Every structure is written in C-alpha cells, then in structure tokens.
PDB file of N, CA and C in Angstrom:
ATOM      1  N   MET A   1      -0.540   1.726 -17.077  1.00  0.00           N
ATOM      2  CA  MET A   1      -0.912   0.987 -16.126  1.00  0.00           C
ATOM      3  C   MET A   1      -2.675   1.155 -15.900  1.00  0.00           C
ATOM      4  N   LEU A   2      -3.725   0.583 -15.638  1.00  0.00           N
ATOM      5  CA  LEU A   2      -5.507   1.099 -15.599  1.00  0.00           C
ATOM      6  C   LEU A   2      -5.777   0.322 -14.280  1.00  0.00           C
ATOM      7  N   GLY A   3      -6.706   1.216 -13.542  1.00  0.00           N
ATOM      8  CA  GLY A   3      -6.547   0.190 -12.348  1.00  0.00           C
ATOM      9  C   GLY A   3      -8.261  -1.160 -12.692  1.00  0.00           C
ATOM     10  N   ASN A   4      -8.946  -1.594 -11.534  1.00  0.00           N
ATOM     11  CA  ASN A   4     -10.173  -2.063 -11.510  1.00  0.00           C
ATOM     12  C   ASN A   4     -11.219  -1.633 -11.653  1.00  0.00           C
ATOM     13  N   LEU A   5     -11.513  -1.481 -12.882  1.00  0.00           N
ATOM     14  CA  LEU A   5     -13.308  -0.912 -12.990  1.00  0.00           C
ATOM     15  C   LEU A   5     -13.979  -0.628 -12.148  1.00  0.00           C
ATOM     16  N   GLU A   6     -13.612  -2.553 -11.602  1.00  0.00           N
ATOM     17  CA  GLU A   6     -14.967  -3.494 -10.370  1.00  0.00           C
ATOM     18  C   GLU A   6     -14.784  -2.856  -9.459  1.00  0.00           C
ATOM     19  N   SER A   7     -13.850  -1.915  -9.179  1.00  0.00           N
ATOM     20  CA  SER A   7     -14.060  -1.146  -7.629  1.00  0.00           C
ATOM     21  C   SER A   7     -14.411  -0.153  -7.840  1.00  0.00           C
ATOM     22  N   LEU A   8     -15.296   0.069  -8.585  1.00  0.00           N
ATOM     23  CA  LEU A   8     -15.949   1.663  -8.980  1.00  0.00           C
ATOM     24  C   LEU A   8     -17.581   0.809  -8.601  1.00  0.00           C
ATOM     25  N   THR A   9     -18.471  -0.341  -8.951  1.00  0.00           N
ATOM     26  CA  THR A   9     -18.860  -0.986  -9.467  1.00  0.00           C
ATOM     27  C   THR A   9     -20.143   0.466  -8.182  1.00  0.00           C
ATOM     28  N   TYR A  10     -19.743  -0.011  -6.324  1.00  0.00           N
ATOM     29  CA  TYR A  10     -20.534   0.712  -5.769  1.00  0.00           C
ATOM     30  C   TYR A  10     -21.002   1.651  -5.915  1.00  0.00           C
ATOM     31  N   VAL A  11     -20.030   2.746  -6.453  1.00  0.00           N
ATOM     32  CA  VAL A  11     -20.856   3.736  -6.754  1.00  0.00           C
ATOM     33  C   VAL A  11     -21.163   4.657  -8.729  1.00  0.00           C
ATOM     34  N   SER A  12     -21.282   3.246  -9.120  1.00  0.00           N
ATOM     35  CA  SER A  12     -21.700   3.453 -10.520  1.00  0.00           C
ATOM     36  C   SER A  12     -22.473   4.408 -11.014  1.00  0.00           C
ATOM     37  N   ASP A  13     -23.916   4.168 -10.112  1.00  0.00           N
ATOM     38  CA  ASP A  13     -24.963   4.736  -9.703  1.00  0.00           C
ATOM     39  C   ASP A  13     -25.537   6.152  -9.502  1.00  0.00           C
ATOM     40  N   HIS A  14     -24.170   6.442  -8.661  1.00  0.00           N
ATOM     41  CA  HIS A  14     -24.629   7.848  -8.313  1.00  0.00           C
ATOM     42  C   HIS A  14     -24.267   8.811  -8.815  1.00  0.00           C
ATOM     43  N   PRO A  15     -25.575   9.938  -8.431  1.00  0.00           N
ATOM     44  CA  PRO A  15     -25.476  10.606  -9.296  1.00  0.00           C
ATOM     45  C   PRO A  15     -24.919  12.199  -9.440  1.00  0.00           C
ATOM     46  N   ARG A  16     -23.967  11.650  -8.645  1.00  0.00           N
ATOM     47  CA  ARG A  16     -22.283  11.872  -8.771  1.00  0.00           C
ATOM     48  C   ARG A  16     -21.157  11.785  -8.932  1.00  0.00           C
ATOM     49  N   ASN A  17     -21.372  10.499  -9.336  1.00  0.00           N
ATOM     50  CA  ASN A  17     -20.104   9.832 -10.165  1.00  0.00           C
ATOM     51  C   ASN A  17     -20.038   9.907 -11.309  1.00  0.00           C
ATOM     52  N   VAL A  18     -18.803  10.554 -12.051  1.00  0.00           N
ATOM     53  CA  VAL A  18     -18.617  10.519 -13.389  1.00  0.00           C
ATOM     54  C   VAL A  18     -16.960   9.463 -13.486  1.00  0.00           C
ATOM     55  N   PHE A  19     -17.322   8.677 -14.605  1.00  0.00           N
ATOM     56  CA  PHE A  19     -15.799   8.129 -15.351  1.00  0.00           C
ATOM     57  C   PHE A  19     -15.154   9.293 -16.605  1.00  0.00           C
ATOM     58  N   GLU A  20     -14.114   9.361 -16.429  1.00  0.00           N
ATOM     59  CA  GLU A  20     -13.668   9.898 -17.622  1.00  0.00           C
ATOM     60  C   GLU A  20     -12.028   9.530 -17.464  1.00  0.00           C
ATOM     61  N   ARG A  21     -11.657   8.281 -18.833  1.00  0.00           N
ATOM     62  CA  ARG A  21     -10.707   7.899 -19.202  1.00  0.00           C
ATOM     63  C   ARG A  21     -10.219   8.734 -19.769  1.00  0.00           C
ATOM     64  N   VAL A  22      -8.904   9.553 -19.231  1.00  0.00           N
ATOM     65  CA  VAL A  22      -8.116  10.149 -20.046  1.00  0.00           C
ATOM     66  C   VAL A  22      -6.957  10.185 -19.817  1.00  0.00           C
ATOM     67  N   ASP A  23      -5.579  10.559 -20.396  1.00  0.00           N
ATOM     68  CA  ASP A  23      -3.794  10.778 -20.157  1.00  0.00           C
ATOM     69  C   ASP A  23      -4.353  11.904 -18.807  1.00  0.00           C
ATOM     70  N   ILE A  24      -3.662  11.608 -17.872  1.00  0.00           N
ATOM     71  CA  ILE A  24      -3.499  12.296 -16.749  1.00  0.00           C
ATOM     72  C   ILE A  24      -2.351  13.340 -17.544  1.00  0.00           C
ATOM     73  N   CYS A  25      -1.745  12.779 -18.473  1.00  0.00           N
ATOM     74  CA  CYS A  25      -0.403  14.067 -18.633  1.00  0.00           C
ATOM     75  C   CYS A  25      -1.257  14.859 -19.815  1.00  0.00           C
ATOM     76  N   ASP A  26      -2.226  14.377 -20.276  1.00  0.00           N
ATOM     77  CA  ASP A  26      -3.105  15.617 -21.254  1.00  0.00           C
ATOM     78  C   ASP A  26      -3.735  16.856 -20.579  1.00  0.00           C
ATOM     79  N   SER A  27      -3.124  17.385 -20.802  1.00  0.00           N
ATOM     80  CA  SER A  27      -3.889  19.279 -19.891  1.00  0.00           C
ATOM     81  C   SER A  27      -4.420  19.477 -20.361  1.00  0.00           C
ATOM     82  N   SER A  28      -4.898  19.479 -21.899  1.00  0.00           N
ATOM     83  CA  SER A  28      -6.243  20.203 -22.170  1.00  0.00           C
ATOM     84  C   SER A  28      -6.904  19.654 -21.804  1.00  0.00           C
ATOM     85  N   GLU A  29      -6.897  17.898 -21.871  1.00  0.00           N
ATOM     86  CA  GLU A  29      -8.398  16.485 -21.399  1.00  0.00           C
ATOM     87  C   GLU A  29      -8.237  17.021 -19.977  1.00  0.00           C
ATOM     88  N   LEU A  30      -7.750  17.630 -18.934  1.00  0.00           N
ATOM     89  CA  LEU A  30      -7.906  18.235 -17.539  1.00  0.00           C
ATOM     90  C   LEU A  30      -8.318  19.422 -17.906  1.00  0.00           C
ATOM     91  N   ASN A  31      -7.637  20.278 -18.336  1.00  0.00           N
ATOM     92  CA  ASN A  31      -8.893  21.576 -18.349  1.00  0.00           C
ATOM     93  C   ASN A  31     -10.089  21.344 -18.991  1.00  0.00           C
ATOM     94  N   ARG A  32     -10.205  20.753 -19.408  1.00  0.00           N
ATOM     95  CA  ARG A  32     -11.609  20.268 -20.120  1.00  0.00           C
ATOM     96  C   ARG A  32     -12.491  19.835 -18.715  1.00  0.00           C
ATOM     97  N   ILE A  33     -11.849  19.097 -18.087  1.00  0.00           N
ATOM     98  CA  ILE A  33     -12.176  18.271 -17.348  1.00  0.00           C
ATOM     99  C   ILE A  33     -12.973  19.318 -16.075  1.00  0.00           C
ATOM    100  N   PHE A  34     -11.640  19.807 -14.849  1.00  0.00           N
ATOM    101  CA  PHE A  34     -11.697  20.761 -14.266  1.00  0.00           C
ATOM    102  C   PHE A  34     -13.166  21.585 -14.849  1.00  0.00           C
ATOM    103  N   HIS A  35     -12.892  22.094 -15.801  1.00  0.00           N
ATOM    104  CA  HIS A  35     -14.081  23.326 -16.478  1.00  0.00           C
ATOM    105  C   HIS A  35     -15.546  22.915 -16.313  1.00  0.00           C
ATOM    106  N   GLN A  36     -15.656  21.601 -16.897  1.00  0.00           N
ATOM    107  CA  GLN A  36     -16.915  21.215 -16.991  1.00  0.00           C
ATOM    108  C   GLN A  36     -17.688  20.377 -15.320  1.00  0.00           C
ATOM    109  N   TYR A  37     -16.810  19.928 -14.747  1.00  0.00           N
ATOM    110  CA  TYR A  37     -17.395  19.127 -13.490  1.00  0.00           C
ATOM    111  C   TYR A  37     -16.860  20.754 -12.438  1.00  0.00           C
ATOM    112  N   GLN A  38     -16.016  21.370 -12.429  1.00  0.00           N
ATOM    113  CA  GLN A  38     -16.056  22.005 -11.163  1.00  0.00           C
ATOM    114  C   GLN A  38     -15.681  21.239 -10.028  1.00  0.00           C
ATOM    115  N   PRO A  39     -15.013  20.983  -9.994  1.00  0.00           N
ATOM    116  CA  PRO A  39     -14.752  20.076  -8.325  1.00  0.00           C
ATOM    117  C   PRO A  39     -14.416  20.494  -7.127  1.00  0.00           C
ATOM    118  N   ASP A  40     -14.403  20.349  -5.900  1.00  0.00           N
ATOM    119  CA  ASP A  40     -14.186  20.669  -4.897  1.00  0.00           C
ATOM    120  C   ASP A  40     -13.014  20.785  -4.764  1.00  0.00           C
ATOM    121  N   LEU A  41     -12.634  19.401  -4.624  1.00  0.00           N
ATOM    122  CA  LEU A  41     -11.756  18.598  -4.428  1.00  0.00           C
ATOM    123  C   LEU A  41     -10.812  17.475  -5.405  1.00  0.00           C
ATOM    124  N   VAL A  42      -9.693  17.767  -5.481  1.00  0.00           N
ATOM    125  CA  VAL A  42      -8.970  16.897  -6.325  1.00  0.00           C
ATOM    126  C   VAL A  42      -7.949  15.728  -5.260  1.00  0.00           C
ATOM    127  N   MET A  43      -8.193  14.678  -6.055  1.00  0.00           N
ATOM    128  CA  MET A  43      -7.176  13.161  -5.134  1.00  0.00           C
ATOM    129  C   MET A  43      -6.384  13.209  -6.532  1.00  0.00           C
ATOM    130  N   HIS A  44      -4.673  12.852  -6.043  1.00  0.00           N
ATOM    131  CA  HIS A  44      -4.320  11.769  -7.183  1.00  0.00           C
ATOM    132  C   HIS A  44      -4.304  10.077  -6.453  1.00  0.00           C
ATOM    133  N   LEU A  45      -4.862   9.332  -6.591  1.00  0.00           N
ATOM    134  CA  LEU A  45      -4.298   7.822  -6.228  1.00  0.00           C
ATOM    135  C   LEU A  45      -3.407   7.118  -7.212  1.00  0.00           C
ATOM    136  N   ALA A  46      -3.040   7.376  -8.533  1.00  0.00           N
ATOM    137  CA  ALA A  46      -2.164   6.624  -8.744  1.00  0.00           C
ATOM    138  C   ALA A  46      -0.912   6.700  -8.734  1.00  0.00           C
ATOM    139  N   ALA A  47      -0.241   7.610  -7.754  1.00  0.00           N
ATOM    140  CA  ALA A  47       1.052   7.199  -7.829  1.00  0.00           C
ATOM    141  C   ALA A  47       1.657   5.838  -7.634  1.00  0.00           C
ATOM    142  N   GLU A  48       3.294   6.036  -7.951  1.00  0.00           N
ATOM    143  CA  GLU A  48       3.583   4.793  -7.184  1.00  0.00           C
ATOM    144  C   GLU A  48       4.480   4.526  -6.380  1.00  0.00           C
ATOM    145  N   SER A  49       4.193   3.703  -5.216  1.00  0.00           N
ATOM    146  CA  SER A  49       3.997   3.866  -3.473  1.00  0.00           C
ATOM    147  C   SER A  49       5.322   3.002  -3.142  1.00  0.00           C
ATOM    148  N   HIS A  50       6.035   2.200  -4.077  1.00  0.00           N
ATOM    149  CA  HIS A  50       6.745   0.601  -3.299  1.00  0.00           C
ATOM    150  C   HIS A  50       8.056   1.442  -4.072  1.00  0.00           C
ATOM    151  N   VAL A  51       8.935   1.086  -3.371  1.00  0.00           N
ATOM    152  CA  VAL A  51       9.979   1.410  -3.993  1.00  0.00           C
ATOM    153  C   VAL A  51      10.807   0.430  -4.723  1.00  0.00           C
ATOM    154  N   ASP A  52      10.487  -0.980  -4.782  1.00  0.00           N
ATOM    155  CA  ASP A  52      10.894  -1.654  -5.555  1.00  0.00           C
ATOM    156  C   ASP A  52      10.524  -1.569  -7.033  1.00  0.00           C
ATOM    157  N   ARG A  53       9.490  -0.769  -6.917  1.00  0.00           N
ATOM    158  CA  ARG A  53       9.393  -0.135  -8.691  1.00  0.00           C
ATOM    159  C   ARG A  53      10.170   1.184  -8.756  1.00  0.00           C
ATOM    160  N   SER A  54      11.011   1.457  -8.389  1.00  0.00           N
ATOM    161  CA  SER A  54      11.456   3.199  -8.544  1.00  0.00           C
ATOM    162  C   SER A  54      12.681   2.244  -8.897  1.00  0.00           C
ATOM    163  N   ILE A  55      13.356   1.418  -8.793  1.00  0.00           N
ATOM    164  CA  ILE A  55      14.145   0.149  -8.650  1.00  0.00           C
ATOM    165  C   ILE A  55      14.687  -0.091 -10.023  1.00  0.00           C
ATOM    166  N   ASP A  56      13.105  -1.035 -10.166  1.00  0.00           N
ATOM    167  CA  ASP A  56      12.971  -1.693 -11.597  1.00  0.00           C
ATOM    168  C   ASP A  56      12.948  -0.855 -12.706  1.00  0.00           C
ATOM    169  N   GLY A  57      12.179   0.206 -12.266  1.00  0.00           N
ATOM    170  CA  GLY A  57      11.466   0.894 -13.580  1.00  0.00           C
ATOM    171  C   GLY A  57      11.999   2.375 -13.176  1.00  0.00           C
ATOM    172  N   PRO A  58      12.917   2.827 -13.208  1.00  0.00           N
ATOM    173  CA  PRO A  58      12.890   4.243 -12.555  1.00  0.00           C
ATOM    174  C   PRO A  58      12.593   4.941 -13.627  1.00  0.00           C
ATOM    175  N   GLY A  59      12.219   5.044 -14.837  1.00  0.00           N
ATOM    176  CA  GLY A  59      11.417   5.632 -16.136  1.00  0.00           C
ATOM    177  C   GLY A  59       9.929   6.602 -15.422  1.00  0.00           C
ATOM    178  N   LYS A  60       9.705   4.436 -15.278  1.00  0.00           N
ATOM    179  CA  LYS A  60       8.528   4.969 -14.788  1.00  0.00           C
ATOM    180  C   LYS A  60       7.559   5.406 -14.127  1.00  0.00           C
ATOM    181  N   PHE A  61       8.801   5.215 -12.827  1.00  0.00           N
ATOM    182  CA  PHE A  61       8.452   5.600 -11.726  1.00  0.00           C
ATOM    183  C   PHE A  61       8.520   7.591 -11.665  1.00  0.00           C
ATOM    184  N   ILE A  62       9.004   7.761 -12.370  1.00  0.00           N
ATOM    185  CA  ILE A  62       9.679   9.076 -12.662  1.00  0.00           C
ATOM    186  C   ILE A  62       8.408  10.032 -13.244  1.00  0.00           C
ATOM    187  N   HIS A  63       7.925   9.307 -14.442  1.00  0.00           N
ATOM    188  CA  HIS A  63       6.799   9.968 -15.080  1.00  0.00           C
ATOM    189  C   HIS A  63       5.727   9.604 -14.327  1.00  0.00           C
ATOM    190  N   THR A  64       4.865   8.662 -13.250  1.00  0.00           N
ATOM    191  CA  THR A  64       4.217   8.607 -12.554  1.00  0.00           C
ATOM    192  C   THR A  64       4.477   9.542 -11.356  1.00  0.00           C
ATOM    193  N   ASN A  65       5.205   9.341 -10.731  1.00  0.00           N
ATOM    194  CA  ASN A  65       5.370  10.376  -9.379  1.00  0.00           C
ATOM    195  C   ASN A  65       5.630  11.604  -9.358  1.00  0.00           C
ATOM    196  N   ILE A  66       6.152  12.097 -10.411  1.00  0.00           N
ATOM    197  CA  ILE A  66       6.423  13.018 -10.884  1.00  0.00           C
ATOM    198  C   ILE A  66       6.247  13.557 -12.117  1.00  0.00           C
ATOM    199  N   VAL A  67       5.959  13.566 -13.579  1.00  0.00           N
ATOM    200  CA  VAL A  67       5.486  13.915 -14.764  1.00  0.00           C
ATOM    201  C   VAL A  67       3.837  14.266 -14.709  1.00  0.00           C
ATOM    202  N   GLU A  68       3.096  12.654 -14.348  1.00  0.00           N
ATOM    203  CA  GLU A  68       1.613  13.213 -13.613  1.00  0.00           C
ATOM    204  C   GLU A  68       1.294  13.726 -13.180  1.00  0.00           C
ATOM    205  N   THR A  69       2.091  13.780 -11.656  1.00  0.00           N
ATOM    206  CA  THR A  69       1.345  14.030 -10.544  1.00  0.00           C
ATOM    207  C   THR A  69       1.733  15.987 -10.480  1.00  0.00           C
ATOM    208  N   TYR A  70       2.594  16.444 -11.290  1.00  0.00           N
ATOM    209  CA  TYR A  70       2.831  17.944 -11.873  1.00  0.00           C
ATOM    210  C   TYR A  70       1.614  18.639 -12.957  1.00  0.00           C
ATOM    211  N   THR A  71       1.554  17.641 -13.276  1.00  0.00           N
ATOM    212  CA  THR A  71       0.492  18.219 -14.558  1.00  0.00           C
ATOM    213  C   THR A  71      -1.209  18.051 -14.482  1.00  0.00           C
ATOM    214  N   LEU A  72      -1.397  17.643 -13.279  1.00  0.00           N
ATOM    215  CA  LEU A  72      -2.211  17.232 -12.433  1.00  0.00           C
ATOM    216  C   LEU A  72      -2.474  18.824 -11.537  1.00  0.00           C
ATOM    217  N   LEU A  73      -1.564  18.958 -11.013  1.00  0.00           N
ATOM    218  CA  LEU A  73      -1.643  19.614  -9.703  1.00  0.00           C
ATOM    219  C   LEU A  73      -1.600  20.965 -10.488  1.00  0.00           C
ATOM    220  N   ASP A  74      -0.554  21.150 -11.281  1.00  0.00           N
ATOM    221  CA  ASP A  74      -0.259  22.514 -12.734  1.00  0.00           C
ATOM    222  C   ASP A  74      -2.076  22.822 -12.963  1.00  0.00           C
ATOM    223  N   GLN A  75      -2.821  21.864 -13.681  1.00  0.00           N
ATOM    224  CA  GLN A  75      -3.968  21.865 -14.044  1.00  0.00           C
ATOM    225  C   GLN A  75      -4.514  22.314 -12.865  1.00  0.00           C
ATOM    226  N   ALA A  76      -4.647  21.823 -11.727  1.00  0.00           N
ATOM    227  CA  ALA A  76      -5.785  22.379 -10.612  1.00  0.00           C
ATOM    228  C   ALA A  76      -5.356  23.191 -10.204  1.00  0.00           C
ATOM    229  N   ARG A  77      -4.310  23.862 -10.144  1.00  0.00           N
ATOM    230  CA  ARG A  77      -3.812  24.772  -9.689  1.00  0.00           C
ATOM    231  C   ARG A  77      -4.169  26.150 -10.940  1.00  0.00           C
ATOM    232  N   SER A  78      -4.072  25.746 -11.990  1.00  0.00           N
ATOM    233  CA  SER A  78      -4.923  26.740 -13.171  1.00  0.00           C
ATOM    234  C   SER A  78      -6.456  27.345 -12.589  1.00  0.00           C
ATOM    235  N   TYR A  79      -7.018  25.828 -12.615  1.00  0.00           N
ATOM    236  CA  TYR A  79      -9.040  25.762 -12.067  1.00  0.00           C
ATOM    237  C   TYR A  79      -8.958  26.622 -11.596  1.00  0.00           C
TER     238      TYR A  79
END
C-alpha cells in the first residue's frame, strides 16, 4: 500500500527533506539509506492499526506489523 505523496507537499521544498521509495523489507536498501543520510531518529508510521484489518487479512497484517517493523528496527539497531 502506498501513502498519499500529496500529504508531503508542505515539506517537499525543505532542504532536509528527502523521499526514498524503497521496500521496507529490503535490508540492503535500508542499510544504504541509513549510511547515506545518517539519521538521528527513525519513525515507522506504516504499521496496520485497525484490528479489523488483522481479521480480514492476517497475512498482510503480520507482514506489515511484524516483518517490516522487525527489518526496520534491525537495520536501525545495526546502524
């Protein structure tokens, strides 16, 4: 699922704003991004938050909330 990129227009011209479209489960891409941009803070806002979604599609829910979150946390920890 992709977010709405229009919601970022208010920061699109900010010099510290960078947008990278990568698969959050791609460890090598996350590693590249961490080393290229050297962030001080990481936020993961893509997790599924509605219980109904876990009932309707448990596989997607598990992938998003567990696998993707783990991959991001693991790369952040390694960085």
